[in-house]
Amino acid sequence: MVDILELMNKRHSVRKYIDEEIDSSVKKIIEEKVCEVNRESNLNIKAVFDDKEGFNSKLAKYGKFENVNNFLIMKGVGNDLSEVCGYYGEKLVMELMNLGLGSCWVALTYNKKNIKKYIQPNENLVIVIAFGIPANWGYSRKSKLPRQVSNVNEDSPQWFKDGVDCALNAPTAINQQKFMLTLEGDKVKAKARFAPSAKVDLGIVKYHFEIGSGKDHSIWL
C-alpha cells in the first residue's frame, strides 16, 4: 500500500525536467487516475503529454521552468472550482510522485494561448500542474510554525496536531501558507486568507490535513 504521508513529506516542487518521453505504461496509469478523479470530483481535468508549446513563453523562462512537456489542466464546468481543483489536483500530484515523477503547481507562467486550445467553450480553466521526469527533486523551503496557521496547543487532540503538521507540507502560492485551521469542538474550520490562488491553496491544505489527521470530508465546518 502506498504511504501517501511519506510521499507528502518527501515532495518538493520541481521546475526542471529531463527532456525525455514518459513511458507509455506510465501514461496509461496517469490517464486512468485522471479519469477516476474526474468521476469523483465532477471536474474535467485533462492530462497532456509531449506538448512543448504549453510552457513555451517568456513567463515560463522567468519562472525558471525547463523542459515542461507534460501537464495537467485543472478545469471544469461552472464557477467557484478553485478549492475542488486544489484538493483533487494534489491527490493527482501524489499519484505522480508515486510514479517517480516530479510536479509543480503553476498559476501564471504557462503559455495561455497554447493552453487555451484544450479548454472547451463551456469550461473554466483554474490552474495547471506541470509534471515530468525530474532533473532534480527540488528543494525544501521555510515553513511557518503550527501555531501560526492554527489554534493548536498542547491540549489539542493528536489527530489535530498531526493534521496541522501535514498541512504545513502543502504547497501554496509563493510559499505564503496563508491559511488558518481552527479546531471547534470535534470539527475544523478552514479559512483562506487573502493571497494569490488562495482557494486553490485551501483545497490543497484540506487534502493534506485529511491525510495527516486520518479524517475525511466530514471533519470540515
Protein backbone atom coordinates (compact mmCIF):
# COMPACT_ATOMS: atom_id res chain seq x y z
CA MET A 1 0.00 0.00 0.00
CA VAL A 2 1.25 3.47 -0.90
CA ASP A 3 2.22 5.60 2.11
CA ILE A 4 0.79 8.96 1.00
CA LEU A 5 2.06 10.68 4.14
CA GLU A 6 5.61 9.62 3.30
CA LEU A 7 5.19 10.93 -0.25
CA MET A 8 3.96 14.26 1.11
CA ASN A 9 6.97 14.56 3.39
CA LYS A 10 9.38 13.86 0.52
CA ARG A 11 7.82 16.01 -2.19
CA HIS A 12 9.16 19.39 -3.30
CA SER A 13 8.12 21.48 -6.31
CA VAL A 14 10.07 20.60 -9.46
CA ARG A 15 10.63 23.18 -12.21
CA LYS A 16 13.39 21.49 -14.22
CA TYR A 17 12.71 18.26 -16.09
CA ILE A 18 14.62 15.86 -18.30
CA ASP A 19 13.62 16.20 -21.96
CA GLU A 20 12.57 12.58 -22.18
CA GLU A 21 9.22 10.99 -23.01
CA ILE A 22 7.31 9.33 -20.20
CA ASP A 23 6.89 5.59 -20.69
CA SER A 24 3.61 4.63 -22.37
CA SER A 25 2.63 2.32 -19.49
CA VAL A 26 3.05 5.22 -17.04
CA LYS A 27 0.99 7.50 -19.29
CA LYS A 28 -1.80 4.93 -19.23
CA ILE A 29 -1.78 4.85 -15.42
CA ILE A 30 -1.94 8.65 -15.28
CA GLU A 31 -4.87 8.72 -17.71
CA GLU A 32 -6.70 6.14 -15.58
CA LYS A 33 -6.09 8.12 -12.38
CA VAL A 34 -7.31 11.32 -14.04
CA CYS A 35 -10.50 9.55 -15.14
CA GLU A 36 -11.06 8.26 -11.59
CA VAL A 37 -10.62 11.72 -10.11
CA ASN A 38 -12.88 13.31 -12.73
CA ARG A 39 -15.65 10.85 -11.84
CA GLU A 40 -15.22 11.59 -8.14
CA SER A 41 -14.95 15.37 -8.43
CA ASN A 42 -17.11 16.20 -11.49
CA LEU A 43 -14.14 18.11 -12.91
CA ASN A 44 -12.83 17.81 -16.48
CA ILE A 45 -9.12 17.52 -15.69
CA LYS A 46 -7.02 16.76 -18.77
CA ALA A 47 -3.58 15.15 -18.87
CA VAL A 48 -1.45 16.46 -21.74
CA PHE A 49 1.72 14.65 -22.80
CA ASP A 50 4.61 15.61 -25.09
CA ASP A 51 3.49 19.17 -25.78
CA LYS A 52 6.43 21.58 -25.79
CA GLU A 53 4.21 24.58 -26.51
CA GLY A 54 2.26 24.71 -23.25
CA PHE A 55 5.21 26.30 -21.44
CA ASN A 56 6.84 27.96 -24.42
CA SER A 57 6.72 31.54 -23.16
CA LYS A 58 8.84 34.28 -21.64
CA LEU A 59 6.89 33.87 -18.41
CA ALA A 60 7.86 30.20 -18.21
CA LYS A 61 11.52 31.14 -18.59
CA TYR A 62 11.04 33.80 -15.93
CA GLY A 63 9.59 31.11 -13.69
CA LYS A 64 12.74 29.03 -14.31
CA PHE A 65 10.84 26.17 -15.92
CA GLU A 66 12.81 23.84 -18.20
CA ASN A 67 11.57 21.03 -20.46
CA VAL A 68 7.94 21.10 -19.34
CA ASN A 69 6.36 18.81 -21.93
CA ASN A 70 3.63 17.30 -19.76
CA PHE A 71 0.96 18.95 -17.66
CA LEU A 72 -2.44 18.54 -16.04
CA ILE A 73 -5.03 21.15 -16.94
CA MET A 74 -7.31 21.70 -13.95
CA LYS A 75 -10.65 22.72 -15.44
CA GLY A 76 -14.36 22.13 -15.22
CA VAL A 77 -17.85 23.40 -15.89
CA GLY A 78 -19.21 26.04 -13.53
CA ASN A 79 -17.82 28.67 -11.22
CA ASP A 80 -16.00 28.55 -7.90
CA LEU A 81 -13.95 25.48 -8.84
CA SER A 82 -10.72 26.62 -7.20
CA GLU A 83 -10.93 24.71 -3.93
CA VAL A 84 -12.04 21.45 -5.52
CA CYS A 85 -9.26 21.77 -8.13
CA GLY A 86 -6.75 22.25 -5.34
CA TYR A 87 -7.98 19.22 -3.42
CA TYR A 88 -8.14 16.79 -6.33
CA GLY A 89 -5.12 18.24 -8.09
CA GLU A 90 -2.99 17.49 -5.03
CA LYS A 91 -4.42 13.98 -4.98
CA LEU A 92 -3.10 13.56 -8.53
CA VAL A 93 0.23 15.14 -7.56
CA MET A 94 0.67 12.33 -5.03
CA GLU A 95 -0.12 9.77 -7.75
CA LEU A 96 2.56 11.36 -9.94
CA MET A 97 5.02 11.27 -7.06
CA ASN A 98 4.28 7.59 -6.54
CA LEU A 99 5.12 7.00 -10.22
CA GLY A 100 8.50 8.67 -9.78
CA LEU A 101 7.50 11.94 -11.45
CA GLY A 102 8.08 15.47 -10.21
CA SER A 103 5.47 18.22 -10.43
CA CYS A 104 4.78 21.89 -9.81
CA TRP A 105 1.59 23.91 -9.42
CA VAL A 106 1.55 26.78 -11.93
CA ALA A 107 -0.90 29.69 -11.73
CA LEU A 108 0.52 32.11 -14.31
CA THR A 109 3.77 31.17 -16.01
CA TYR A 110 2.46 28.99 -18.82
CA ASN A 111 1.57 29.92 -22.40
CA LYS A 112 -2.07 30.91 -22.07
CA LYS A 113 -2.75 30.80 -25.80
CA ASN A 114 -1.38 27.29 -26.19
CA ILE A 115 -3.17 26.01 -23.09
CA LYS A 116 -6.46 27.56 -24.20
CA LYS A 117 -6.77 25.11 -27.11
CA TYR A 118 -7.53 22.38 -24.56
CA ILE A 119 -10.39 24.34 -22.95
CA GLN A 120 -13.94 23.85 -24.22
CA PRO A 121 -16.24 26.91 -24.54
CA ASN A 122 -18.29 25.85 -21.51
CA GLU A 123 -15.25 25.14 -19.32
CA ASN A 124 -13.26 27.32 -16.94
CA LEU A 125 -9.51 26.94 -16.52
CA VAL A 126 -8.40 27.16 -12.89
CA ILE A 127 -4.71 26.24 -12.78
CA VAL A 128 -2.09 23.99 -14.40
CA ILE A 129 0.19 21.34 -12.90
CA ALA A 130 3.49 20.76 -14.71
CA PHE A 131 4.98 17.28 -14.37
CA GLY A 132 7.63 15.01 -15.81
CA ILE A 133 10.87 13.17 -15.16
CA PRO A 134 12.71 15.46 -12.73
CA ALA A 135 16.18 16.82 -13.42
CA ASN A 136 16.29 17.23 -9.63
CA TRP A 137 13.77 16.77 -6.86
CA GLY A 138 13.53 20.42 -5.86
CA TYR A 139 14.46 21.91 -2.53
CA SER A 140 12.97 22.22 0.92
CA ARG A 141 11.51 25.58 1.87
CA LYS A 142 10.96 27.58 5.02
CA SER A 143 7.75 26.83 6.85
CA LYS A 144 5.58 28.59 9.39
CA LEU A 145 5.02 27.11 12.83
CA PRO A 146 1.80 25.19 13.63
CA ARG A 147 0.61 27.97 15.95
CA GLN A 148 0.93 30.49 13.08
CA VAL A 149 -1.63 28.65 10.94
CA SER A 150 -3.93 27.14 13.57
CA ASN A 151 -5.22 27.34 17.13
CA VAL A 152 -3.26 24.21 18.08
CA ASN A 153 -1.94 23.99 21.64
CA GLU A 154 -0.52 21.35 23.96
CA ASP A 155 -4.02 20.16 24.89
CA SER A 156 -5.18 19.71 21.29
CA PRO A 157 -6.03 16.13 20.22
CA GLN A 158 -3.18 14.33 18.47
CA TRP A 159 -5.13 13.96 15.24
CA PHE A 160 -5.46 17.76 15.01
CA LYS A 161 -1.74 18.27 15.68
CA ASP A 162 -0.87 15.67 13.03
CA GLY A 163 -3.26 17.25 10.54
CA VAL A 164 -1.78 20.72 11.03
CA ASP A 165 1.76 19.37 10.67
CA CYS A 166 0.80 17.71 7.39
CA ALA A 167 -0.97 20.86 6.18
CA LEU A 168 2.30 22.75 6.62
CA ASN A 169 3.80 20.46 3.97
CA ALA A 170 1.18 21.57 1.46
CA PRO A 171 2.46 23.63 -1.48
CA THR A 172 0.99 27.14 -1.50
CA ALA A 173 1.34 30.10 -3.86
CA ILE A 174 4.69 31.86 -3.38
CA ASN A 175 5.10 29.67 -0.28
CA GLN A 176 2.93 32.10 1.71
CA GLN A 177 0.98 29.48 3.72
CA LYS A 178 -1.89 31.95 4.14
CA PHE A 179 -4.47 29.70 5.73
CA MET A 180 -5.95 29.15 9.18
CA LEU A 181 -7.17 25.87 10.68
CA THR A 182 -9.36 26.26 13.75
CA LEU A 183 -10.50 23.36 15.92
CA GLU A 184 -14.07 23.94 17.13
CA GLY A 185 -15.27 21.00 19.21
CA ASP A 186 -14.69 17.91 17.09
CA LYS A 187 -14.79 19.80 13.78
CA VAL A 188 -12.30 22.01 11.95
CA LYS A 189 -12.87 25.34 10.22
CA ALA A 190 -10.50 26.03 7.33
CA LYS A 191 -10.16 29.59 6.09
CA ALA A 192 -8.08 31.07 3.29
CA ARG A 193 -6.50 34.43 3.92
CA PHE A 194 -6.09 36.87 1.04
CA ALA A 195 -3.34 35.61 -1.27
CA PRO A 196 -2.81 34.64 -4.93
CA SER A 197 -4.63 31.35 -5.64
CA ALA A 198 -5.89 31.32 -2.05
CA LYS A 199 -8.83 28.99 -2.70
CA VAL A 200 -6.69 26.55 -4.68
CA ASP A 201 -4.26 26.55 -1.77
CA LEU A 202 -7.10 25.87 0.66
CA GLY A 203 -8.13 22.76 -1.29
CA ILE A 204 -4.54 21.51 -1.22
CA VAL A 205 -4.29 22.22 2.51
CA LYS A 206 -7.54 20.35 3.21
CA TYR A 207 -6.27 17.28 1.35
CA HIS A 208 -3.05 17.33 3.36
CA PHE A 209 -4.91 17.81 6.64
CA GLU A 210 -7.20 14.85 5.94
CA ILE A 211 -4.24 12.58 5.16
CA GLY A 212 -2.30 13.68 8.23
CA SER A 213 -5.22 13.51 10.64
CA GLY A 214 -6.81 10.36 9.28
CA LYS A 215 -10.12 12.21 8.93
CA ASP A 216 -12.36 12.63 5.89
CA HIS A 217 -14.50 15.42 4.40
CA SER A 218 -16.93 15.23 7.32
CA ILE A 219 -14.35 16.92 9.58
CA TRP A 220 -14.95 20.34 7.99
CA LEU A 221 -17.32 23.00 9.25
